[in-house]
Amino acid sequence: MTKSLQAKDYDALSAFRYAMRKFLRVSKEVVAARAKLTPEQYEALLAIKGSSGAHGVTVGEISEQLQVKHHTVVSLLDKLEVRKLATRKRAAADRRNVNVQLTKAGALLLARLAAIHHRELQQRSPEIIDALRRIRE
């Protein structure tokens, strides 16, 4: 049986969503203004960088990281390749797999954007952590 939520629980959930929405609003504005990317394209670049092994990351792994369908990742990658921010190459061992890597331009752009996001999260983390603590109570 699930516990009935009280007013403080709703307040904590609302505070967490509010803190995250503020961060995501800033993120959306930054990637649009400074890189002309969508939030999803930025997240794809971040997933590629964060999950890459020696040969890159697979489309399936990016799909899992972003929690979207395979064809959505393929569409994102098409756009990133047009801008020369990422490349795809068939895996030598298993030709069914496609490995994705950032280009030099993609890595440089991501580094600039990630630094801004990192600073923003450092500033907002007390608010987010407080909201999460309230949810745990």
N, C-alpha and C. Protein backbone atom coordinates (compact mmCIF):
# COMPACT_ATOMS: atom_id res chain seq x y z
N MET A 1 0.85 -1.19 0.00
CA MET A 1 0.00 0.00 0.00
C MET A 1 0.89 1.25 0.00
N THR A 2 0.54 2.19 -0.82
CA THR A 2 1.31 3.41 -0.89
C THR A 2 0.90 4.40 0.19
N LYS A 3 1.91 5.11 0.64
CA LYS A 3 1.70 6.12 1.68
C LYS A 3 0.96 7.32 1.07
N SER A 4 0.01 7.85 1.81
CA SER A 4 -0.68 9.06 1.37
C SER A 4 0.28 10.24 1.50
N LEU A 5 0.33 11.02 0.47
CA LEU A 5 1.20 12.19 0.51
C LEU A 5 0.54 13.30 1.30
N GLN A 6 1.39 14.03 2.00
CA GLN A 6 0.92 15.16 2.78
C GLN A 6 1.32 16.45 2.06
N ALA A 7 0.85 17.57 2.57
CA ALA A 7 1.13 18.87 1.96
C ALA A 7 2.63 19.10 1.82
N LYS A 8 3.41 18.70 2.83
CA LYS A 8 4.87 18.91 2.77
C LYS A 8 5.51 18.09 1.65
N ASP A 9 4.92 16.92 1.33
CA ASP A 9 5.43 16.09 0.24
C ASP A 9 5.20 16.76 -1.11
N TYR A 10 4.01 17.29 -1.28
CA TYR A 10 3.70 18.01 -2.52
C TYR A 10 4.58 19.25 -2.66
N ASP A 11 4.79 19.92 -1.54
CA ASP A 11 5.64 21.10 -1.54
C ASP A 11 7.08 20.73 -1.94
N ALA A 12 7.58 19.63 -1.42
CA ALA A 12 8.94 19.18 -1.74
C ALA A 12 9.05 18.79 -3.21
N LEU A 13 8.06 18.06 -3.72
CA LEU A 13 8.07 17.69 -5.13
C LEU A 13 8.02 18.93 -6.03
N SER A 14 7.18 19.87 -5.64
CA SER A 14 7.07 21.11 -6.40
C SER A 14 8.37 21.90 -6.39
N ALA A 15 9.02 21.96 -5.22
CA ALA A 15 10.29 22.69 -5.10
C ALA A 15 11.37 22.06 -5.97
N PHE A 16 11.40 20.73 -6.00
CA PHE A 16 12.39 20.05 -6.84
C PHE A 16 12.13 20.34 -8.32
N ARG A 17 10.89 20.20 -8.75
CA ARG A 17 10.56 20.46 -10.15
C ARG A 17 10.87 21.91 -10.53
N TYR A 18 10.58 22.83 -9.62
CA TYR A 18 10.85 24.24 -9.87
C TYR A 18 12.35 24.49 -10.03
N ALA A 19 13.15 23.92 -9.16
CA ALA A 19 14.60 24.09 -9.25
C ALA A 19 15.13 23.51 -10.56
N MET A 20 14.64 22.35 -10.93
CA MET A 20 15.10 21.73 -12.18
C MET A 20 14.64 22.53 -13.40
N ARG A 21 13.43 23.04 -13.36
CA ARG A 21 12.92 23.83 -14.49
C ARG A 21 13.75 25.10 -14.68
N LYS A 22 14.16 25.72 -13.58
CA LYS A 22 14.99 26.92 -13.70
C LYS A 22 16.32 26.58 -14.36
N PHE A 23 16.93 25.47 -13.93
CA PHE A 23 18.19 25.06 -14.55
C PHE A 23 17.97 24.74 -16.03
N LEU A 24 16.94 24.00 -16.36
CA LEU A 24 16.69 23.61 -17.75
C LEU A 24 16.36 24.80 -18.64
N ARG A 25 15.70 25.81 -18.07
CA ARG A 25 15.42 27.04 -18.85
C ARG A 25 16.72 27.73 -19.23
N VAL A 26 17.62 27.87 -18.25
CA VAL A 26 18.92 28.48 -18.53
C VAL A 26 19.68 27.64 -19.56
N SER A 27 19.66 26.33 -19.39
CA SER A 27 20.35 25.44 -20.32
C SER A 27 19.83 25.62 -21.74
N LYS A 28 18.53 25.65 -21.90
CA LYS A 28 17.91 25.82 -23.22
C LYS A 28 18.34 27.14 -23.85
N GLU A 29 18.35 28.20 -23.05
CA GLU A 29 18.75 29.51 -23.56
C GLU A 29 20.22 29.52 -23.96
N VAL A 30 21.07 28.90 -23.16
CA VAL A 30 22.51 28.88 -23.44
C VAL A 30 22.81 28.12 -24.72
N VAL A 31 22.25 26.92 -24.87
CA VAL A 31 22.57 26.13 -26.06
C VAL A 31 21.99 26.75 -27.33
N ALA A 32 20.86 27.43 -27.20
CA ALA A 32 20.28 28.08 -28.37
C ALA A 32 21.08 29.32 -28.76
N ALA A 33 21.41 30.16 -27.79
CA ALA A 33 22.08 31.42 -28.08
C ALA A 33 23.55 31.24 -28.45
N ARG A 34 24.23 30.35 -27.77
CA ARG A 34 25.68 30.23 -27.97
C ARG A 34 26.08 29.19 -28.98
N ALA A 35 25.18 28.26 -29.30
CA ALA A 35 25.57 27.19 -30.21
C ALA A 35 24.52 26.86 -31.26
N LYS A 36 23.35 27.49 -31.17
CA LYS A 36 22.26 27.19 -32.09
C LYS A 36 21.96 25.68 -32.12
N LEU A 37 21.94 25.11 -30.92
CA LEU A 37 21.59 23.70 -30.74
C LEU A 37 20.27 23.61 -29.99
N THR A 38 19.60 22.48 -30.16
CA THR A 38 18.45 22.18 -29.31
C THR A 38 18.97 21.55 -28.02
N PRO A 39 18.18 21.56 -26.96
CA PRO A 39 18.61 20.87 -25.74
C PRO A 39 18.93 19.40 -25.99
N GLU A 40 18.16 18.75 -26.86
CA GLU A 40 18.39 17.34 -27.16
C GLU A 40 19.73 17.13 -27.89
N GLN A 41 20.09 18.05 -28.77
CA GLN A 41 21.39 17.94 -29.45
C GLN A 41 22.54 18.11 -28.46
N TYR A 42 22.39 19.05 -27.53
CA TYR A 42 23.40 19.22 -26.49
C TYR A 42 23.51 17.95 -25.65
N GLU A 43 22.37 17.40 -25.25
CA GLU A 43 22.37 16.18 -24.45
C GLU A 43 23.03 15.02 -25.21
N ALA A 44 22.83 14.96 -26.51
CA ALA A 44 23.47 13.91 -27.31
C ALA A 44 24.99 14.10 -27.31
N LEU A 45 25.46 15.33 -27.49
CA LEU A 45 26.90 15.58 -27.43
C LEU A 45 27.47 15.17 -26.07
N LEU A 46 26.75 15.51 -25.02
CA LEU A 46 27.18 15.17 -23.67
C LEU A 46 27.19 13.65 -23.47
N ALA A 47 26.18 12.96 -23.98
CA ALA A 47 26.13 11.50 -23.86
C ALA A 47 27.28 10.85 -24.63
N ILE A 48 27.61 11.39 -25.78
CA ILE A 48 28.72 10.84 -26.57
C ILE A 48 30.02 11.00 -25.79
N LYS A 49 30.25 12.19 -25.29
CA LYS A 49 31.48 12.46 -24.54
C LYS A 49 31.53 11.66 -23.24
N GLY A 50 30.44 11.61 -22.53
CA GLY A 50 30.40 10.95 -21.22
C GLY A 50 30.46 9.45 -21.27
N SER A 51 30.07 8.85 -22.38
CA SER A 51 30.00 7.40 -22.47
C SER A 51 31.01 6.80 -23.43
N SER A 52 31.79 7.62 -24.08
CA SER A 52 32.68 7.12 -25.13
C SER A 52 33.83 6.28 -24.59
N GLY A 53 34.01 5.15 -25.23
CA GLY A 53 35.19 4.33 -25.01
C GLY A 53 36.20 4.64 -26.09
N ALA A 54 37.12 3.77 -26.29
CA ALA A 54 38.18 3.98 -27.28
C ALA A 54 37.63 4.13 -28.70
N HIS A 55 36.53 3.43 -28.99
CA HIS A 55 35.97 3.46 -30.34
C HIS A 55 34.70 4.29 -30.43
N GLY A 56 34.38 5.02 -29.38
CA GLY A 56 33.18 5.83 -29.37
C GLY A 56 32.07 5.14 -28.59
N VAL A 57 30.87 5.54 -28.87
CA VAL A 57 29.68 5.03 -28.19
C VAL A 57 28.69 4.60 -29.26
N THR A 58 27.89 3.58 -28.97
CA THR A 58 26.94 3.11 -29.97
C THR A 58 25.67 3.96 -29.94
N VAL A 59 24.93 3.88 -31.02
CA VAL A 59 23.65 4.57 -31.10
C VAL A 59 22.73 4.06 -30.00
N GLY A 60 22.75 2.78 -29.74
CA GLY A 60 21.93 2.19 -28.68
C GLY A 60 22.28 2.74 -27.32
N GLU A 61 23.57 2.93 -27.06
CA GLU A 61 24.00 3.49 -25.78
C GLU A 61 23.53 4.94 -25.63
N ILE A 62 23.60 5.70 -26.71
CA ILE A 62 23.10 7.08 -26.67
C ILE A 62 21.60 7.07 -26.43
N SER A 63 20.90 6.19 -27.10
CA SER A 63 19.46 6.05 -26.92
C SER A 63 19.12 5.79 -25.46
N GLU A 64 19.86 4.91 -24.82
CA GLU A 64 19.63 4.61 -23.40
C GLU A 64 19.94 5.84 -22.54
N GLN A 65 21.06 6.51 -22.80
CA GLN A 65 21.42 7.69 -22.02
C GLN A 65 20.36 8.78 -22.10
N LEU A 66 19.83 9.00 -23.29
CA LEU A 66 18.85 10.06 -23.49
C LEU A 66 17.42 9.61 -23.20
N GLN A 67 17.24 8.28 -23.05
CA GLN A 67 15.91 7.72 -22.81
C GLN A 67 14.95 8.06 -23.95
N VAL A 68 15.46 7.86 -25.19
CA VAL A 68 14.64 8.07 -26.38
C VAL A 68 14.81 6.87 -27.31
N LYS A 69 13.97 6.78 -28.30
CA LYS A 69 14.02 5.67 -29.25
C LYS A 69 15.22 5.82 -30.20
N HIS A 70 15.62 4.67 -30.74
CA HIS A 70 16.77 4.59 -31.65
C HIS A 70 16.64 5.60 -32.79
N HIS A 71 15.47 5.65 -33.43
CA HIS A 71 15.31 6.54 -34.58
C HIS A 71 15.43 8.02 -34.20
N THR A 72 15.11 8.35 -32.96
CA THR A 72 15.27 9.73 -32.49
C THR A 72 16.75 10.08 -32.42
N VAL A 73 17.57 9.15 -31.93
CA VAL A 73 19.02 9.37 -31.87
C VAL A 73 19.58 9.49 -33.28
N VAL A 74 19.12 8.66 -34.19
CA VAL A 74 19.60 8.73 -35.58
C VAL A 74 19.32 10.11 -36.15
N SER A 75 18.15 10.65 -35.90
CA SER A 75 17.80 11.99 -36.38
C SER A 75 18.69 13.06 -35.75
N LEU A 76 18.94 12.94 -34.44
CA LEU A 76 19.84 13.89 -33.77
C LEU A 76 21.24 13.81 -34.37
N LEU A 77 21.71 12.59 -34.59
CA LEU A 77 23.06 12.42 -35.16
C LEU A 77 23.16 12.95 -36.57
N ASP A 78 22.09 12.80 -37.36
CA ASP A 78 22.09 13.36 -38.72
C ASP A 78 22.36 14.86 -38.65
N LYS A 79 21.70 15.54 -37.73
CA LYS A 79 21.87 16.99 -37.60
C LYS A 79 23.25 17.35 -37.08
N LEU A 80 23.76 16.56 -36.13
CA LEU A 80 25.11 16.84 -35.60
C LEU A 80 26.18 16.58 -36.65
N GLU A 81 25.97 15.58 -37.50
CA GLU A 81 26.94 15.31 -38.57
C GLU A 81 26.94 16.42 -39.62
N VAL A 82 25.78 16.94 -39.94
CA VAL A 82 25.70 18.05 -40.90
C VAL A 82 26.52 19.23 -40.40
N ARG A 83 26.49 19.46 -39.10
CA ARG A 83 27.25 20.56 -38.49
C ARG A 83 28.69 20.17 -38.18
N LYS A 84 29.06 18.94 -38.52
CA LYS A 84 30.42 18.41 -38.31
C LYS A 84 30.82 18.41 -36.83
N LEU A 85 29.84 18.05 -35.98
CA LEU A 85 30.08 17.97 -34.54
C LEU A 85 30.26 16.53 -34.07
N ALA A 86 29.79 15.57 -34.88
CA ALA A 86 29.92 14.15 -34.54
C ALA A 86 30.06 13.36 -35.83
N THR A 87 30.65 12.17 -35.69
CA THR A 87 30.79 11.25 -36.82
C THR A 87 30.32 9.86 -36.41
N ARG A 88 29.85 9.11 -37.42
CA ARG A 88 29.43 7.72 -37.22
C ARG A 88 30.28 6.82 -38.10
N LYS A 89 30.60 5.65 -37.55
CA LYS A 89 31.37 4.67 -38.32
C LYS A 89 30.92 3.28 -37.90
N ARG A 90 30.75 2.39 -38.86
CA ARG A 90 30.38 1.01 -38.55
C ARG A 90 31.50 0.35 -37.77
N ALA A 91 31.12 -0.43 -36.77
CA ALA A 91 32.10 -1.16 -35.96
C ALA A 91 32.73 -2.26 -36.80
N ALA A 92 34.03 -2.43 -36.65
CA ALA A 92 34.74 -3.45 -37.42
C ALA A 92 34.33 -4.85 -36.98
N ALA A 93 34.21 -5.05 -35.68
CA ALA A 93 33.91 -6.39 -35.14
C ALA A 93 32.48 -6.82 -35.44
N ASP A 94 31.54 -5.91 -35.34
CA ASP A 94 30.13 -6.23 -35.57
C ASP A 94 29.53 -5.10 -36.40
N ARG A 95 29.39 -5.34 -37.69
CA ARG A 95 28.96 -4.30 -38.64
C ARG A 95 27.54 -3.79 -38.35
N ARG A 96 26.80 -4.50 -37.50
CA ARG A 96 25.46 -4.02 -37.14
C ARG A 96 25.55 -2.81 -36.22
N ASN A 97 26.65 -2.68 -35.48
CA ASN A 97 26.82 -1.56 -34.55
C ASN A 97 27.45 -0.37 -35.24
N VAL A 98 26.98 0.79 -34.86
CA VAL A 98 27.54 2.05 -35.37
C VAL A 98 28.14 2.78 -34.18
N ASN A 99 29.43 3.12 -34.30
CA ASN A 99 30.11 3.87 -33.25
C ASN A 99 30.07 5.35 -33.57
N VAL A 100 29.82 6.14 -32.54
CA VAL A 100 29.70 7.59 -32.70
C VAL A 100 30.80 8.25 -31.87
N GLN A 101 31.43 9.24 -32.47
CA GLN A 101 32.45 10.01 -31.76
C GLN A 101 32.24 11.49 -32.05
N LEU A 102 32.72 12.32 -31.13
CA LEU A 102 32.71 13.76 -31.37
C LEU A 102 33.84 14.11 -32.31
N THR A 103 33.62 15.10 -33.14
CA THR A 103 34.71 15.66 -33.93
C THR A 103 35.46 16.64 -33.02
N LYS A 104 36.56 17.17 -33.53
CA LYS A 104 37.28 18.17 -32.75
C LYS A 104 36.39 19.39 -32.50
N ALA A 105 35.66 19.80 -33.53
CA ALA A 105 34.74 20.94 -33.38
C ALA A 105 33.65 20.63 -32.35
N GLY A 106 33.13 19.41 -32.38
CA GLY A 106 32.11 19.01 -31.42
C GLY A 106 32.63 19.00 -30.00
N ALA A 107 33.86 18.51 -29.83
CA ALA A 107 34.47 18.46 -28.49
C ALA A 107 34.73 19.87 -27.96
N LEU A 108 35.17 20.77 -28.81
CA LEU A 108 35.43 22.15 -28.39
C LEU A 108 34.13 22.87 -28.01
N LEU A 109 33.11 22.69 -28.83
CA LEU A 109 31.82 23.31 -28.54
C LEU A 109 31.25 22.76 -27.24
N LEU A 110 31.30 21.45 -27.09
CA LEU A 110 30.79 20.83 -25.87
C LEU A 110 31.55 21.32 -24.65
N ALA A 111 32.85 21.46 -24.74
CA ALA A 111 33.64 21.93 -23.60
C ALA A 111 33.18 23.31 -23.15
N ARG A 112 32.91 24.20 -24.10
CA ARG A 112 32.44 25.54 -23.74
C ARG A 112 31.06 25.49 -23.09
N LEU A 113 30.16 24.73 -23.69
CA LEU A 113 28.80 24.65 -23.15
C LEU A 113 28.76 23.93 -21.81
N ALA A 114 29.53 22.87 -21.67
CA ALA A 114 29.54 22.10 -20.42
C ALA A 114 30.09 22.94 -19.27
N ALA A 115 31.07 23.79 -19.55
CA ALA A 115 31.63 24.65 -18.50
C ALA A 115 30.55 25.60 -17.97
N ILE A 116 29.74 26.14 -18.86
CA ILE A 116 28.65 27.03 -18.46
C ILE A 116 27.63 26.25 -17.62
N HIS A 117 27.29 25.06 -18.07
CA HIS A 117 26.33 24.23 -17.34
C HIS A 117 26.88 23.82 -15.97
N HIS A 118 28.15 23.51 -15.93
CA HIS A 118 28.77 23.11 -14.66
C HIS A 118 28.68 24.25 -13.65
N ARG A 119 29.02 25.46 -14.09
CA ARG A 119 28.93 26.62 -13.19
C ARG A 119 27.49 26.85 -12.73
N GLU A 120 26.56 26.73 -13.66
CA GLU A 120 25.15 26.94 -13.32
C GLU A 120 24.69 25.91 -12.28
N LEU A 121 25.08 24.66 -12.46
CA LEU A 121 24.71 23.63 -11.49
C LEU A 121 25.37 23.85 -10.13
N GLN A 122 26.61 24.32 -10.16
CA GLN A 122 27.26 24.63 -8.88
C GLN A 122 26.48 25.70 -8.13
N GLN A 123 25.99 26.70 -8.84
CA GLN A 123 25.21 27.76 -8.20
C GLN A 123 23.85 27.27 -7.73
N ARG A 124 23.22 26.40 -8.50
CA ARG A 124 21.87 25.94 -8.19
C ARG A 124 21.84 24.70 -7.30
N SER A 125 22.96 24.04 -7.13
CA SER A 125 22.96 22.76 -6.40
C SER A 125 22.43 22.86 -4.97
N PRO A 126 22.70 23.93 -4.21
CA PRO A 126 22.12 23.96 -2.86
C PRO A 126 20.58 23.89 -2.88
N GLU A 127 19.97 24.60 -3.81
CA GLU A 127 18.52 24.58 -3.92
C GLU A 127 18.01 23.20 -4.32
N ILE A 128 18.68 22.58 -5.27
CA ILE A 128 18.28 21.25 -5.74
C ILE A 128 18.47 20.21 -4.64
N ILE A 129 19.61 20.26 -3.97
CA ILE A 129 19.90 19.32 -2.88
C ILE A 129 18.90 19.48 -1.75
N ASP A 130 18.58 20.72 -1.41
CA ASP A 130 17.59 20.97 -0.35
C ASP A 130 16.24 20.35 -0.73
N ALA A 131 15.83 20.53 -1.96
CA ALA A 131 14.55 19.97 -2.41
C ALA A 131 14.58 18.44 -2.34
N LEU A 132 15.69 17.84 -2.74
CA LEU A 132 15.80 16.38 -2.67
C LEU A 132 15.79 15.88 -1.23
N ARG A 133 16.45 16.61 -0.34
CA ARG A 133 16.41 16.22 1.08
C ARG A 133 14.98 16.25 1.62
N ARG A 134 14.24 17.25 1.22
CA ARG A 134 12.86 17.37 1.69
C ARG A 134 12.01 16.20 1.17
N ILE A 135 12.31 15.72 -0.02
CA ILE A 135 11.58 14.57 -0.58
C ILE A 135 11.89 13.31 0.22
N ARG A 136 13.14 13.18 0.67
CA ARG A 136 13.55 11.99 1.42
C ARG A 136 12.97 11.93 2.83
N GLU A 137 12.53 13.04 3.37
CA GLU A 137 12.02 13.08 4.74
C GLU A 137 10.69 12.36 4.88
